[in-house]
Amino acid sequence: MSSYAGNPETAVVTGYPVSGSNGAPPPRPFYPPPPSPPPADAAPSRFETFLDSQYFLIAWVVFIYLVVLYAVIIAFVLDPRIPEFTVSSACVTGFNLSAQQQQLSASFDLNLTVHSPNREMRIYYEHVTASVLYASDILSENTLAPFYQGTGETTVLRVRLAALGKYVNSDVVRGIESDRGQGDGTVGFNLRVLSLFRFRSWSESTSWSTLSVYCDDVLIGFGNGTATTGCLLGSAPKKCVLTRLIEPNMAGSYGQAWLREL
């Protein structure tokens, strides 16, 4: 816009300056610099490293202590104990020995009492066999039914064995004839029991083991050398001996093989 007053030669022209009339480019926009990155974590000090190693060592010691404590509790609380065997009664009927033909016929009827002294462990028996022997010669054998015993239980097994025309060697013939030739006609027989068995509790179990039991010198009184029937002498049960208990693969906390000779 412009205005004129009086003489046009002396007129004053007014207006707005032209943008960028000096020829310089417009200033660039300003952007603030990005924030600085966070400082890097400082390397752990020797003291912190020492504390970490101490915590690890303490944790390892506590773990070992708990394992040992658990094993001790299992050993003393569960404490698997071997069963006790006794011959509570025994009778022999139809006894006949032919010295010339070396043949023996007889029926053996025995009661075998098995007691479990365990307070926490149950016992399972499988593949049970019983044999009657004279010295080391087997006269008759038979398989018994499997059975189970709870804690502290007592089980009576009836063992019935028979020999019918059983061939025996000359040593057996001479030995039995010598025994029956004594005044009371007493003959000593041996009873052997073999079985697989295992212990079990509320938290532990063993693998199957082999149990071997001998009841030696079960004395049968015939009264004379010609009697065909005789029974166990004495009123007290005949104690048996556990001669071998082999555990090749214990499970759970009993992780080792062991052997007992009693």
C-alpha atoms as a PDB file:
ATOM      1  CA  MET A   1       0.000   0.000   0.000  1.00  0.00           C
ATOM      2  CA  SER A   2       1.227   3.568  -0.665  1.00  0.00           C
ATOM      3  CA  SER A   3       0.002   7.143  -0.028  1.00  0.00           C
ATOM      4  CA  TYR A   4       0.721  10.539  -1.616  1.00  0.00           C
ATOM      5  CA  ALA A   5       0.701  13.947   0.138  1.00  0.00           C
ATOM      6  CA  GLY A   6       1.424  17.150  -1.820  1.00  0.00           C
ATOM      7  CA  ASN A   7       4.309  16.918  -4.229  1.00  0.00           C
ATOM      8  CA  PRO A   8       4.641  13.558  -5.757  1.00  0.00           C
ATOM      9  CA  GLU A   9       8.406  13.891  -5.903  1.00  0.00           C
ATOM     10  CA  THR A  10       8.574  14.252  -2.169  1.00  0.00           C
ATOM     11  CA  ALA A  11       6.042  11.602  -1.511  1.00  0.00           C
ATOM     12  CA  VAL A  12       6.959   8.959   1.057  1.00  0.00           C
ATOM     13  CA  VAL A  13       6.307   5.380   0.153  1.00  0.00           C
ATOM     14  CA  THR A  14       5.495   2.975   2.977  1.00  0.00           C
ATOM     15  CA  GLY A  15       4.925  -0.859   2.914  1.00  0.00           C
ATOM     16  CA  TYR A  16       6.041  -4.277   4.188  1.00  0.00           C
ATOM     17  CA  PRO A  17       9.477  -5.592   3.321  1.00  0.00           C
ATOM     18  CA  VAL A  18       9.660  -8.529   0.981  1.00  0.00           C
ATOM     19  CA  SER A  19      10.394 -11.768   2.806  1.00  0.00           C
ATOM     20  CA  GLY A  20      13.949 -12.993   2.236  1.00  0.00           C
ATOM     21  CA  SER A  21      14.882  -9.902   0.410  1.00  0.00           C
ATOM     22  CA  ASN A  22      18.533 -10.354   1.518  1.00  0.00           C
ATOM     23  CA  GLY A  23      18.824 -13.622  -0.497  1.00  0.00           C
ATOM     24  CA  ALA A  24      19.700 -15.860   2.499  1.00  0.00           C
ATOM     25  CA  PRO A  25      17.861 -19.219   2.861  1.00  0.00           C
ATOM     26  CA  PRO A  26      15.488 -19.637   5.767  1.00  0.00           C
ATOM     27  CA  PRO A  27      17.000 -21.123   8.901  1.00  0.00           C
ATOM     28  CA  ARG A  28      16.818 -24.916   9.270  1.00  0.00           C
ATOM     29  CA  PRO A  29      14.483 -26.372  11.908  1.00  0.00           C
ATOM     30  CA  PHE A  30      16.140 -27.312  15.225  1.00  0.00           C
ATOM     31  CA  TYR A  31      15.890 -30.859  16.554  1.00  0.00           C
ATOM     32  CA  PRO A  32      17.122 -31.670  20.107  1.00  0.00           C
ATOM     33  CA  PRO A  33      19.856 -34.338  20.330  1.00  0.00           C
ATOM     34  CA  PRO A  34      18.792 -37.901  21.349  1.00  0.00           C
ATOM     35  CA  PRO A  35      19.090 -38.818  25.032  1.00  0.00           C
ATOM     36  CA  SER A  36      22.313 -40.400  26.180  1.00  0.00           C
ATOM     37  CA  PRO A  37      22.304 -44.248  26.516  1.00  0.00           C
ATOM     38  CA  PRO A  38      22.069 -45.638  30.064  1.00  0.00           C
ATOM     39  CA  PRO A  39      25.388 -46.343  31.667  1.00  0.00           C
ATOM     40  CA  ALA A  40      26.665 -49.922  31.279  1.00  0.00           C
ATOM     41  CA  ASP A  41      26.393 -52.190  34.343  1.00  0.00           C
ATOM     42  CA  ALA A  42      29.521 -52.262  36.288  1.00  0.00           C
ATOM     43  CA  ALA A  43      31.375 -55.598  36.476  1.00  0.00           C
ATOM     44  CA  PRO A  44      30.639 -57.535  39.715  1.00  0.00           C
ATOM     45  CA  SER A  45      33.103 -56.923  42.416  1.00  0.00           C
ATOM     46  CA  ARG A  46      35.211 -59.648  43.962  1.00  0.00           C
ATOM     47  CA  PHE A  47      33.076 -59.470  47.091  1.00  0.00           C
ATOM     48  CA  GLU A  48      29.877 -60.144  45.138  1.00  0.00           C
ATOM     49  CA  THR A  49      31.518 -63.059  43.325  1.00  0.00           C
ATOM     50  CA  PHE A  50      32.620 -64.467  46.674  1.00  0.00           C
ATOM     51  CA  LEU A  51      29.084 -64.191  48.059  1.00  0.00           C
ATOM     52  CA  ASP A  52      27.653 -66.013  45.022  1.00  0.00           C
ATOM     53  CA  SER A  53      30.103 -68.883  45.437  1.00  0.00           C
ATOM     54  CA  GLN A  54      29.331 -69.071  49.154  1.00  0.00           C
ATOM     55  CA  TYR A  55      25.587 -69.291  48.493  1.00  0.00           C
ATOM     56  CA  PHE A  56      26.167 -72.098  45.985  1.00  0.00           C
ATOM     57  CA  LEU A  57      28.360 -73.986  48.438  1.00  0.00           C
ATOM     58  CA  ILE A  58      25.810 -73.607  51.229  1.00  0.00           C
ATOM     59  CA  ALA A  59      23.013 -74.848  48.974  1.00  0.00           C
ATOM     60  CA  TRP A  60      25.089 -77.884  47.964  1.00  0.00           C
ATOM     61  CA  VAL A  61      25.916 -78.724  51.584  1.00  0.00           C
ATOM     62  CA  VAL A  62      22.245 -78.445  52.573  1.00  0.00           C
ATOM     63  CA  PHE A  63      21.261 -80.762  49.713  1.00  0.00           C
ATOM     64  CA  ILE A  64      23.800 -83.413  50.758  1.00  0.00           C
ATOM     65  CA  TYR A  65      22.665 -83.107  54.373  1.00  0.00           C
ATOM     66  CA  LEU A  66      19.034 -83.696  53.415  1.00  0.00           C
ATOM     67  CA  VAL A  67      19.946 -86.750  51.338  1.00  0.00           C
ATOM     68  CA  VAL A  68      21.941 -88.262  54.214  1.00  0.00           C
ATOM     69  CA  LEU A  69      19.164 -87.458  56.684  1.00  0.00           C
ATOM     70  CA  TYR A  70      16.621 -89.167  54.452  1.00  0.00           C
ATOM     71  CA  ALA A  71      18.803 -92.279  54.190  1.00  0.00           C
ATOM     72  CA  VAL A  72      19.231 -92.389  57.982  1.00  0.00           C
ATOM     73  CA  ILE A  73      15.486 -92.077  58.522  1.00  0.00           C
ATOM     74  CA  ILE A  74      14.842 -94.896  56.068  1.00  0.00           C
ATOM     75  CA  ALA A  75      17.456 -97.112  57.729  1.00  0.00           C
ATOM     76  CA  PHE A  76      16.256 -96.601  61.309  1.00  0.00           C
ATOM     77  CA  VAL A  77      12.534 -96.082  60.857  1.00  0.00           C
ATOM     78  CA  LEU A  78      11.774 -98.634  58.156  1.00  0.00           C
ATOM     79  CA  ASP A  79      14.629-100.987  59.142  1.00  0.00           C
ATOM     80  CA  PRO A  80      13.817-104.026  56.963  1.00  0.00           C
ATOM     81  CA  ARG A  81      14.395-107.145  59.064  1.00  0.00           C
ATOM     82  CA  ILE A  82      14.532-110.740  57.954  1.00  0.00           C
ATOM     83  CA  PRO A  83      11.643-113.061  58.885  1.00  0.00           C
ATOM     84  CA  GLU A  84      11.874-115.832  61.478  1.00  0.00           C
ATOM     85  CA  PHE A  85      11.111-119.455  60.600  1.00  0.00           C
ATOM     86  CA  THR A  86      10.303-122.311  63.004  1.00  0.00           C
ATOM     87  CA  VAL A  87       8.942-125.836  62.599  1.00  0.00           C
ATOM     88  CA  SER A  88       6.024-125.896  65.023  1.00  0.00           C
ATOM     89  CA  SER A  89       4.875-129.455  64.267  1.00  0.00           C
ATOM     90  CA  ALA A  90       5.943-132.401  62.116  1.00  0.00           C
ATOM     91  CA  CYS A  91       4.760-135.951  61.597  1.00  0.00           C
ATOM     92  CA  VAL A  92       5.827-138.765  59.268  1.00  0.00           C
ATOM     93  CA  THR A  93       3.411-141.507  58.253  1.00  0.00           C
ATOM     94  CA  GLY A  94       3.621-144.581  56.036  1.00  0.00           C
ATOM     95  CA  PHE A  95       7.377-144.763  56.487  1.00  0.00           C
ATOM     96  CA  ASN A  96       8.899-147.691  54.626  1.00  0.00           C
ATOM     97  CA  LEU A  97      12.526-148.181  53.657  1.00  0.00           C
ATOM     98  CA  SER A  98      13.612-151.057  51.432  1.00  0.00           C
ATOM     99  CA  ALA A  99      17.315-151.546  51.986  1.00  0.00           C
ATOM    100  CA  GLN A 100      17.660-154.102  49.206  1.00  0.00           C
ATOM    101  CA  GLN A 101      15.979-151.980  46.539  1.00  0.00           C
ATOM    102  CA  GLN A 102      17.140-148.689  48.084  1.00  0.00           C
ATOM    103  CA  GLN A 103      13.644-147.233  47.913  1.00  0.00           C
ATOM    104  CA  LEU A 104      11.887-144.989  50.414  1.00  0.00           C
ATOM    105  CA  SER A 105       8.195-144.261  50.809  1.00  0.00           C
ATOM    106  CA  ALA A 106       6.830-141.796  53.376  1.00  0.00           C
ATOM    107  CA  SER A 107       4.465-138.857  53.871  1.00  0.00           C
ATOM    108  CA  PHE A 108       5.714-135.750  55.657  1.00  0.00           C
ATOM    109  CA  ASP A 109       3.246-133.310  57.205  1.00  0.00           C
ATOM    110  CA  LEU A 110       4.800-130.204  58.781  1.00  0.00           C
ATOM    111  CA  ASN A 111       3.653-126.808  60.004  1.00  0.00           C
ATOM    112  CA  LEU A 112       6.125-124.032  59.331  1.00  0.00           C
ATOM    113  CA  THR A 113       5.598-120.822  61.309  1.00  0.00           C
ATOM    114  CA  VAL A 114       6.877-117.599  59.736  1.00  0.00           C
ATOM    115  CA  HIS A 115       7.004-114.396  61.795  1.00  0.00           C
ATOM    116  CA  SER A 116       7.760-110.929  60.450  1.00  0.00           C
ATOM    117  CA  PRO A 117       9.396-108.652  63.059  1.00  0.00           C
ATOM    118  CA  ASN A 118       9.025-105.583  60.856  1.00  0.00           C
ATOM    119  CA  ARG A 119       7.096-102.571  62.140  1.00  0.00           C
ATOM    120  CA  GLU A 120       6.873-100.691  58.851  1.00  0.00           C
ATOM    121  CA  MET A 121       7.789-103.157  56.100  1.00  0.00           C
ATOM    122  CA  ARG A 122       5.523-105.734  54.493  1.00  0.00           C
ATOM    123  CA  ILE A 123       6.935-108.933  52.973  1.00  0.00           C
ATOM    124  CA  TYR A 124       5.847-110.654  49.767  1.00  0.00           C
ATOM    125  CA  TYR A 125       6.851-114.264  49.006  1.00  0.00           C
ATOM    126  CA  GLU A 126       6.791-115.829  45.538  1.00  0.00           C
ATOM    127  CA  HIS A 127       7.995-119.128  44.016  1.00  0.00           C
ATOM    128  CA  VAL A 128       8.179-120.852  47.400  1.00  0.00           C
ATOM    129  CA  THR A 129       9.526-124.401  47.421  1.00  0.00           C
ATOM    130  CA  ALA A 130      10.013-126.761  50.366  1.00  0.00           C
ATOM    131  CA  SER A 131      12.172-129.877  50.491  1.00  0.00           C
ATOM    132  CA  VAL A 132      12.766-132.568  53.073  1.00  0.00           C
ATOM    133  CA  LEU A 133      16.256-134.076  53.152  1.00  0.00           C
ATOM    134  CA  TYR A 134      18.248-136.681  54.954  1.00  0.00           C
ATOM    135  CA  ALA A 135      21.713-135.201  55.332  1.00  0.00           C
ATOM    136  CA  SER A 136      22.146-133.499  51.945  1.00  0.00           C
ATOM    137  CA  ASP A 137      19.969-135.883  49.893  1.00  0.00           C
ATOM    138  CA  ILE A 138      16.529-134.642  48.875  1.00  0.00           C
ATOM    139  CA  LEU A 139      13.771-137.139  49.710  1.00  0.00           C
ATOM    140  CA  SER A 140      10.815-135.062  48.526  1.00  0.00           C
ATOM    141  CA  GLU A 141      10.017-131.507  47.485  1.00  0.00           C
ATOM    142  CA  ASN A 142       6.950-129.487  46.617  1.00  0.00           C
ATOM    143  CA  THR A 143       5.861-125.986  45.633  1.00  0.00           C
ATOM    144  CA  LEU A 144       3.947-123.861  48.138  1.00  0.00           C
ATOM    145  CA  ALA A 145       1.452-121.113  47.419  1.00  0.00           C
ATOM    146  CA  PRO A 146       2.769-117.532  47.424  1.00  0.00           C
ATOM    147  CA  PHE A 147       1.846-115.503  50.487  1.00  0.00           C
ATOM    148  CA  TYR A 148       2.041-112.035  51.977  1.00  0.00           C
ATOM    149  CA  GLN A 149       2.810-110.787  55.491  1.00  0.00           C
ATOM    150  CA  GLY A 150       1.746-107.462  56.931  1.00  0.00           C
ATOM    151  CA  THR A 151       3.746-105.672  59.591  1.00  0.00           C
ATOM    152  CA  GLY A 152       4.354-107.899  62.614  1.00  0.00           C
ATOM    153  CA  GLU A 153       2.244-110.761  61.266  1.00  0.00           C
ATOM    154  CA  THR A 154       2.742-114.474  61.914  1.00  0.00           C
ATOM    155  CA  THR A 155       1.849-116.987  59.200  1.00  0.00           C
ATOM    156  CA  VAL A 156       1.569-120.766  59.524  1.00  0.00           C
ATOM    157  CA  LEU A 157       2.383-122.701  56.358  1.00  0.00           C
ATOM    158  CA  ARG A 158       1.320-126.302  56.025  1.00  0.00           C
ATOM    159  CA  VAL A 159       3.998-128.247  54.199  1.00  0.00           C
ATOM    160  CA  ARG A 160       2.919-131.632  52.840  1.00  0.00           C
ATOM    161  CA  LEU A 161       5.535-133.735  51.084  1.00  0.00           C
ATOM    162  CA  ALA A 162       5.478-137.326  49.896  1.00  0.00           C
ATOM    163  CA  ALA A 163       8.015-139.849  48.668  1.00  0.00           C
ATOM    164  CA  LEU A 164       6.707-142.887  46.821  1.00  0.00           C
ATOM    165  CA  GLY A 165       9.316-145.463  45.948  1.00  0.00           C
ATOM    166  CA  LYS A 166      11.974-142.749  45.992  1.00  0.00           C
ATOM    167  CA  TYR A 167      15.396-144.109  45.076  1.00  0.00           C
ATOM    168  CA  VAL A 168      18.000-143.253  47.698  1.00  0.00           C
ATOM    169  CA  ASN A 169      21.714-143.955  47.702  1.00  0.00           C
ATOM    170  CA  SER A 170      23.350-146.484  49.969  1.00  0.00           C
ATOM    171  CA  ASP A 171      24.616-143.853  52.414  1.00  0.00           C
ATOM    172  CA  VAL A 172      21.044-142.729  53.115  1.00  0.00           C
ATOM    173  CA  VAL A 173      19.907-146.311  53.627  1.00  0.00           C
ATOM    174  CA  ARG A 174      22.692-147.056  56.090  1.00  0.00           C
ATOM    175  CA  GLY A 175      22.193-143.769  57.942  1.00  0.00           C
ATOM    176  CA  ILE A 176      18.443-144.160  58.424  1.00  0.00           C
ATOM    177  CA  GLU A 177      18.768-147.802  59.441  1.00  0.00           C
ATOM    178  CA  SER A 178      21.426-146.830  61.972  1.00  0.00           C
ATOM    179  CA  ASP A 179      19.216-144.086  63.426  1.00  0.00           C
ATOM    180  CA  ARG A 180      16.143-146.305  63.648  1.00  0.00           C
ATOM    181  CA  GLY A 181      18.236-149.005  65.267  1.00  0.00           C
ATOM    182  CA  GLN A 182      18.770-146.793  68.311  1.00  0.00           C
ATOM    183  CA  GLY A 183      16.556-147.248  71.348  1.00  0.00           C
ATOM    184  CA  ASP A 184      13.996-144.527  70.536  1.00  0.00           C
ATOM    185  CA  GLY A 185      14.150-144.971  66.770  1.00  0.00           C
ATOM    186  CA  THR A 186      14.677-141.225  66.243  1.00  0.00           C
ATOM    187  CA  VAL A 187      15.580-140.034  62.756  1.00  0.00           C
ATOM    188  CA  GLY A 188      16.766-136.509  62.046  1.00  0.00           C
ATOM    189  CA  PHE A 189      15.491-134.915  58.847  1.00  0.00           C
ATOM    190  CA  ASN A 190      16.273-131.502  57.373  1.00  0.00           C
ATOM    191  CA  LEU A 191      13.755-129.077  55.941  1.00  0.00           C
ATOM    192  CA  ARG A 192      14.821-126.522  53.363  1.00  0.00           C
ATOM    193  CA  VAL A 193      12.758-123.582  52.088  1.00  0.00           C
ATOM    194  CA  LEU A 194      13.661-121.484  49.054  1.00  0.00           C
ATOM    195  CA  SER A 195      11.718-118.404  48.037  1.00  0.00           C
ATOM    196  CA  LEU A 196      11.822-115.109  46.232  1.00  0.00           C
ATOM    197  CA  PHE A 197      10.736-112.267  48.469  1.00  0.00           C
ATOM    198  CA  ARG A 198      10.670-108.495  48.671  1.00  0.00           C
ATOM    199  CA  PHE A 199      10.086-105.765  51.249  1.00  0.00           C
ATOM    200  CA  ARG A 200       7.583-102.971  50.689  1.00  0.00           C
ATOM    201  CA  SER A 201       6.522 -99.974  52.752  1.00  0.00           C
ATOM    202  CA  TRP A 202       4.500 -96.803  52.258  1.00  0.00           C
ATOM    203  CA  SER A 203       7.444 -95.160  50.496  1.00  0.00           C
ATOM    204  CA  GLU A 204      10.078 -97.786  49.677  1.00  0.00           C
ATOM    205  CA  SER A 205      10.337-101.106  47.900  1.00  0.00           C
ATOM    206  CA  THR A 206      13.133-103.584  47.289  1.00  0.00           C
ATOM    207  CA  SER A 207      13.640-105.784  44.277  1.00  0.00           C
ATOM    208  CA  TRP A 208      13.062-109.518  44.451  1.00  0.00           C
ATOM    209  CA  SER A 209      15.653-111.433  46.482  1.00  0.00           C
ATOM    210  CA  THR A 210      16.475-115.073  47.140  1.00  0.00           C
ATOM    211  CA  LEU A 211      15.744-116.440  50.591  1.00  0.00           C
ATOM    212  CA  SER A 212      17.263-119.758  51.671  1.00  0.00           C
ATOM    213  CA  VAL A 213      16.238-121.303  54.994  1.00  0.00           C
ATOM    214  CA  TYR A 214      17.441-124.497  56.640  1.00  0.00           C
ATOM    215  CA  CYS A 215      15.673-126.265  59.485  1.00  0.00           C
ATOM    216  CA  ASP A 216      18.276-128.848  60.461  1.00  0.00           C
ATOM    217  CA  ASP A 217      17.845-131.910  62.667  1.00  0.00           C
ATOM    218  CA  VAL A 218      14.074-132.012  62.796  1.00  0.00           C
ATOM    219  CA  LEU A 219      13.955-135.053  65.061  1.00  0.00           C
ATOM    220  CA  ILE A 220      11.139-137.502  64.368  1.00  0.00           C
ATOM    221  CA  GLY A 221      10.619-140.105  67.087  1.00  0.00           C
ATOM    222  CA  PHE A 222       9.391-143.432  65.703  1.00  0.00           C
ATOM    223  CA  GLY A 223       9.704-145.201  69.027  1.00  0.00           C
ATOM    224  CA  ASN A 224      11.363-148.279  67.521  1.00  0.00           C
ATOM    225  CA  GLY A 225      12.974-149.545  64.365  1.00  0.00           C
ATOM    226  CA  THR A 226       9.806-150.942  62.791  1.00  0.00           C
ATOM    227  CA  ALA A 227       7.242-148.204  63.427  1.00  0.00           C
ATOM    228  CA  THR A 228       5.841-146.447  60.368  1.00  0.00           C
ATOM    229  CA  THR A 229       4.621-143.305  62.127  1.00  0.00           C
ATOM    230  CA  GLY A 230       6.553-140.741  64.115  1.00  0.00           C
ATOM    231  CA  CYS A 231       6.229-137.095  65.198  1.00  0.00           C
ATOM    232  CA  LEU A 232       8.418-134.193  66.238  1.00  0.00           C
ATOM    233  CA  LEU A 233      10.153-134.727  69.546  1.00  0.00           C
ATOM    234  CA  GLY A 234       9.860-132.085  72.245  1.00  0.00           C
ATOM    235  CA  SER A 235       7.281-129.404  72.859  1.00  0.00           C
ATOM    236  CA  ALA A 236       9.350-126.408  71.735  1.00  0.00           C
ATOM    237  CA  PRO A 237       9.289-125.407  68.059  1.00  0.00           C
ATOM    238  CA  LYS A 238      12.411-126.180  66.066  1.00  0.00           C
ATOM    239  CA  LYS A 239      14.143-122.948  65.077  1.00  0.00           C
ATOM    240  CA  CYS A 240      15.328-122.582  61.526  1.00  0.00           C
ATOM    241  CA  VAL A 241      18.358-120.705  60.310  1.00  0.00           C
ATOM    242  CA  LEU A 242      18.480-118.219  57.494  1.00  0.00           C
ATOM    243  CA  THR A 243      21.656-119.369  55.814  1.00  0.00           C
ATOM    244  CA  ARG A 244      21.730-116.955  52.907  1.00  0.00           C
ATOM    245  CA  LEU A 245      19.989-113.749  51.978  1.00  0.00           C
ATOM    246  CA  ILE A 246      21.142-112.268  48.668  1.00  0.00           C
ATOM    247  CA  GLU A 247      19.922-108.908  47.411  1.00  0.00           C
ATOM    248  CA  PRO A 248      21.500-108.153  44.033  1.00  0.00           C
ATOM    249  CA  ASN A 249      19.462-105.074  43.065  1.00  0.00           C
ATOM    250  CA  MET A 250      18.062-103.062  45.905  1.00  0.00           C
ATOM    251  CA  ALA A 251      15.722-100.290  44.887  1.00  0.00           C
ATOM    252  CA  GLY A 252      14.946 -96.884  46.348  1.00  0.00           C
ATOM    253  CA  SER A 253      17.185 -95.854  49.185  1.00  0.00           C
ATOM    254  CA  TYR A 254      18.794 -99.320  49.571  1.00  0.00           C
ATOM    255  CA  GLY A 255      21.005 -98.839  46.523  1.00  0.00           C
ATOM    256  CA  GLN A 256      23.616-101.530  47.145  1.00  0.00           C
ATOM    257  CA  ALA A 257      24.102-105.290  47.019  1.00  0.00           C
ATOM    258  CA  TRP A 258      24.375-107.055  50.327  1.00  0.00           C
ATOM    259  CA  LEU A 259      24.934-110.554  51.702  1.00  0.00           C
ATOM    260  CA  ARG A 260      24.231-111.920  55.161  1.00  0.00           C
ATOM    261  CA  GLU A 261      25.343-115.177  56.633  1.00  0.00           C
ATOM    262  CA  LEU A 262      23.568-116.011  59.879  1.00  0.00           C
END
